[in-house]
């Protein structure tokens, strides 16, 4: 959920600063700042800061709720945060032959581990998954926040892998175009911290 434009929640924190002309002496200084550490004000009574902080944050909660309701009205079904480095689908295909001589597609170790990790982490967003797998046309947008490696990732393969995972998690019924009508807007972003994937699923509105 994006933060409403121009609205940043506040916090209050304290720091110790040196007392002028008093060697070795420190005093506590209270500062009102945004959650991304941009100073708003200092030097006013702490109860005033508490009042300002509470008022702004209450307003922020209301605006975030309104934004969420607007998203739902535009067809948003759910937004899922899937931790871990994405693994493309080409790692997940391997032809194997069983003892009877039959050939089948099996998951190789790396992709199988990715599936296990996702199923384990899905407990944190299970409440966001629809009660029944979606079987009507939806738009699935995937944003992959991942580490940069020597191997260039293939966006279509990452999308197909993610759709496969959504089927395994019973979020969508299958990956046919009768269900996944569009993946427009999907992209890859490189980051330095822990990798993850954001998946937005919206009902296709005529």
Protein backbone atom coordinates (compact mmCIF):
# COMPACT_ATOMS: atom_id res chain seq x y z
CA UNK A 1 0.00 0.00 0.00
CA UNK A 2 1.50 3.30 -1.05
CA UNK A 3 1.68 6.15 1.40
CA UNK A 4 -0.79 8.96 0.50
CA UNK A 5 1.06 11.68 -1.41
CA UNK A 6 2.57 14.37 0.81
CA UNK A 7 1.67 12.59 4.06
CA UNK A 8 4.44 11.21 6.27
CA UNK A 9 3.77 9.80 9.77
CA UNK A 10 5.77 11.29 12.65
CA UNK A 11 7.73 9.94 15.59
CA UNK A 12 9.41 11.39 18.68
CA UNK A 13 12.92 10.45 19.67
CA UNK A 14 15.54 11.71 22.08
CA UNK A 15 19.26 12.23 21.84
CA UNK A 16 21.99 13.40 24.18
CA UNK A 17 23.78 16.63 23.26
CA UNK A 18 26.68 18.44 24.88
CA UNK A 19 25.87 21.32 27.20
CA UNK A 20 27.62 24.51 25.95
CA UNK A 21 30.50 25.68 28.15
CA UNK A 22 30.17 22.60 30.40
CA UNK A 23 32.83 20.03 29.65
CA UNK A 24 31.58 16.44 29.90
CA UNK A 25 27.96 17.38 30.64
CA UNK A 26 25.13 16.12 28.46
CA UNK A 27 21.43 16.94 28.27
CA UNK A 28 18.50 15.14 26.67
CA UNK A 29 17.01 16.79 23.60
CA UNK A 30 13.62 15.71 22.23
CA UNK A 31 13.01 15.96 18.50
CA UNK A 32 9.89 15.52 16.39
CA UNK A 33 10.75 13.90 13.07
CA UNK A 34 9.25 11.93 10.21
CA UNK A 35 9.58 8.14 10.11
CA UNK A 36 12.35 8.57 7.53
CA UNK A 37 14.33 10.75 9.98
CA UNK A 38 13.63 14.21 8.60
CA UNK A 39 13.53 16.68 11.50
CA UNK A 40 10.28 18.61 11.84
CA UNK A 41 10.90 20.64 14.99
CA UNK A 42 12.67 20.68 18.34
CA UNK A 43 12.78 22.81 21.46
CA UNK A 44 9.04 22.76 22.14
CA UNK A 45 7.40 21.07 25.17
CA UNK A 46 7.24 17.29 24.90
CA UNK A 47 3.47 17.19 25.52
CA UNK A 48 3.02 19.50 22.50
CA UNK A 49 5.12 17.12 20.45
CA UNK A 50 3.00 14.18 21.62
CA UNK A 51 -0.17 16.03 20.62
CA UNK A 52 1.16 16.95 17.17
CA UNK A 53 2.51 13.44 16.59
CA UNK A 54 -0.76 11.76 17.61
CA UNK A 55 -2.88 14.14 15.51
CA UNK A 56 -0.78 13.69 12.36
CA UNK A 57 -0.54 9.91 12.73
CA UNK A 58 -4.29 9.54 13.33
CA UNK A 59 -4.89 11.55 10.17
CA UNK A 60 -2.34 9.37 8.34
CA UNK A 61 -4.19 6.22 9.41
CA UNK A 62 -7.47 7.63 8.09
CA UNK A 63 -5.90 8.61 4.76
CA UNK A 64 -4.21 5.21 4.40
CA UNK A 65 -7.59 3.54 5.05
CA UNK A 66 -9.22 5.75 2.39
CA UNK A 67 -6.44 4.91 -0.06
CA UNK A 68 -6.94 1.21 0.64
CA UNK A 69 -10.69 1.48 0.05
CA UNK A 70 -10.03 3.29 -3.24
CA UNK A 71 -7.67 0.49 -4.27
CA UNK A 72 -10.34 -2.11 -3.46
CA UNK A 73 -12.91 -0.17 -5.47
CA UNK A 74 -10.49 -0.31 -8.42
CA UNK A 75 -10.50 -4.10 -8.26
CA UNK A 76 -7.64 -4.86 -5.86
CA UNK A 77 -8.01 -8.42 -4.56
CA UNK A 78 -4.79 -8.71 -2.56
CA UNK A 79 -1.18 -7.54 -2.30
CA UNK A 80 1.33 -10.21 -1.28
CA UNK A 81 4.87 -9.67 0.04
CA UNK A 82 6.95 -12.75 -0.79
CA UNK A 83 10.43 -12.75 0.78
CA UNK A 84 13.54 -14.19 -0.83
CA UNK A 85 15.50 -13.95 -4.08
CA UNK A 86 13.22 -14.83 -7.03
CA UNK A 87 14.15 -18.00 -8.92
CA UNK A 88 13.27 -18.08 -12.65
CA UNK A 89 11.17 -20.87 -14.10
CA UNK A 90 14.01 -22.31 -16.20
CA UNK A 91 15.56 -23.52 -12.93
CA UNK A 92 12.33 -25.37 -12.22
CA UNK A 93 12.13 -27.62 -15.25
CA UNK A 94 13.92 -30.89 -15.63
CA UNK A 95 12.84 -33.97 -17.54
CA UNK A 96 13.16 -37.11 -15.41
CA UNK A 97 12.40 -40.76 -16.12
CA UNK A 98 10.82 -42.96 -13.46
CA UNK A 99 11.38 -46.70 -12.91
CA UNK A 100 8.54 -47.50 -15.33
CA UNK A 101 10.20 -45.56 -18.12
CA UNK A 102 7.73 -42.66 -18.04
CA UNK A 103 9.04 -39.13 -18.55
CA UNK A 104 7.82 -36.17 -16.48
CA UNK A 105 8.78 -32.62 -15.51
CA UNK A 106 10.33 -32.37 -12.05
CA UNK A 107 11.56 -29.44 -9.97
CA UNK A 108 15.33 -29.15 -9.58
CA UNK A 109 16.77 -28.48 -6.14
CA UNK A 110 16.99 -24.68 -6.32
CA UNK A 111 13.42 -24.19 -7.47
CA UNK A 112 12.12 -26.88 -5.10
CA UNK A 113 13.79 -25.04 -2.21
CA UNK A 114 12.20 -21.78 -3.37
CA UNK A 115 8.76 -23.44 -3.32
CA UNK A 116 9.35 -24.79 0.21
CA UNK A 117 10.51 -21.37 1.43
CA UNK A 118 7.47 -19.63 -0.07
CA UNK A 119 5.04 -22.14 1.46
CA UNK A 120 6.71 -21.63 4.83
CA UNK A 121 6.65 -17.82 4.60
CA UNK A 122 3.06 -17.81 3.31
CA UNK A 123 1.92 -18.15 6.94
CA UNK A 124 2.64 -14.44 7.32
CA UNK A 125 0.24 -13.45 4.52
CA UNK A 126 -2.21 -16.38 4.60
CA UNK A 127 -4.94 -14.03 5.84
CA UNK A 128 -4.60 -11.98 2.63
CA UNK A 129 -5.14 -14.96 0.30
CA UNK A 130 -8.70 -15.32 -1.05
CA UNK A 131 -10.76 -18.09 0.58
CA UNK A 132 -11.06 -19.79 -2.83
CA UNK A 133 -8.59 -19.76 -5.73
CA UNK A 134 -9.39 -16.96 -8.17
CA UNK A 135 -10.86 -18.36 -11.42
CA UNK A 136 -11.99 -15.16 -13.13
CA UNK A 137 -9.83 -12.78 -15.22
CA UNK A 138 -7.28 -10.85 -13.15
CA UNK A 139 -4.31 -8.56 -13.70
CA UNK A 140 -1.19 -9.77 -11.87
CA UNK A 141 1.59 -7.22 -11.41
CA UNK A 142 4.91 -8.52 -10.04
CA UNK A 143 7.69 -6.24 -8.82
CA UNK A 144 10.89 -8.16 -8.15
CA UNK A 145 13.29 -6.49 -5.70
CA UNK A 146 16.41 -8.59 -6.06
CA UNK A 147 20.18 -8.73 -5.78
CA UNK A 148 22.17 -7.97 -8.90
CA UNK A 149 24.12 -11.00 -10.09
CA UNK A 150 26.33 -11.82 -13.07
CA UNK A 151 23.43 -13.68 -14.69
CA UNK A 152 20.85 -11.32 -16.19
CA UNK A 153 17.37 -12.32 -15.01
CA UNK A 154 14.62 -12.90 -17.55
CA UNK A 155 11.47 -11.03 -16.53
CA UNK A 156 9.00 -13.35 -18.33
CA UNK A 157 10.56 -16.40 -16.64
CA UNK A 158 10.33 -14.72 -13.23
CA UNK A 159 6.66 -13.90 -13.89
CA UNK A 160 5.84 -17.47 -14.95
CA UNK A 161 7.61 -18.81 -11.85
CA UNK A 162 5.60 -16.44 -9.63
CA UNK A 163 2.33 -17.47 -11.29
CA UNK A 164 3.26 -21.11 -10.71
CA UNK A 165 3.82 -20.29 -7.03
CA UNK A 166 0.44 -18.51 -6.82
CA UNK A 167 -1.23 -21.66 -8.13
CA UNK A 168 0.61 -23.79 -5.55
CA UNK A 169 -0.52 -21.39 -2.79
CA UNK A 170 -4.12 -21.66 -4.09
CA UNK A 171 -4.29 -17.93 -4.81
CA UNK A 172 -5.26 -18.45 -8.46
CA UNK A 173 -6.76 -21.55 -10.06
CA UNK A 174 -4.34 -21.78 -12.98
CA UNK A 175 -2.11 -19.64 -15.19
CA UNK A 176 -4.24 -19.76 -18.34
CA UNK A 177 -5.21 -16.49 -19.98
CA UNK A 178 -8.77 -17.11 -18.77
CA UNK A 179 -7.47 -16.34 -15.27
CA UNK A 180 -4.23 -14.37 -15.74
CA UNK A 181 -5.41 -11.89 -18.35
CA UNK A 182 -2.51 -9.46 -17.94
CA UNK A 183 0.86 -9.02 -16.25
CA UNK A 184 1.43 -5.44 -17.48
CA UNK A 185 3.59 -3.25 -15.24
CA UNK A 186 5.72 -6.11 -13.89
CA UNK A 187 9.37 -5.13 -13.48
CA UNK A 188 12.71 -5.84 -11.81
CA UNK A 189 14.34 -3.48 -9.29
CA UNK A 190 17.84 -4.06 -7.90
CA UNK A 191 18.40 -3.57 -4.17
CA UNK A 192 21.19 -4.17 -1.64
CA UNK A 193 19.09 -5.36 1.31
CA UNK A 194 16.98 -8.52 1.60
CA UNK A 195 15.28 -9.44 -1.71
CA UNK A 196 11.52 -9.86 -2.00
CA UNK A 197 8.64 -9.79 -4.46
CA UNK A 198 5.47 -7.69 -4.33
CA UNK A 199 2.50 -9.24 -6.14
CA UNK A 200 -0.65 -7.18 -6.78
CA UNK A 201 -3.71 -9.05 -8.01
CA UNK A 202 -6.62 -7.04 -9.40
CA UNK A 203 -9.92 -8.02 -10.93
CA UNK A 204 -10.10 -7.04 -14.57
CA UNK A 205 -12.68 -4.27 -14.77
CA UNK A 206 -14.45 -3.89 -18.09
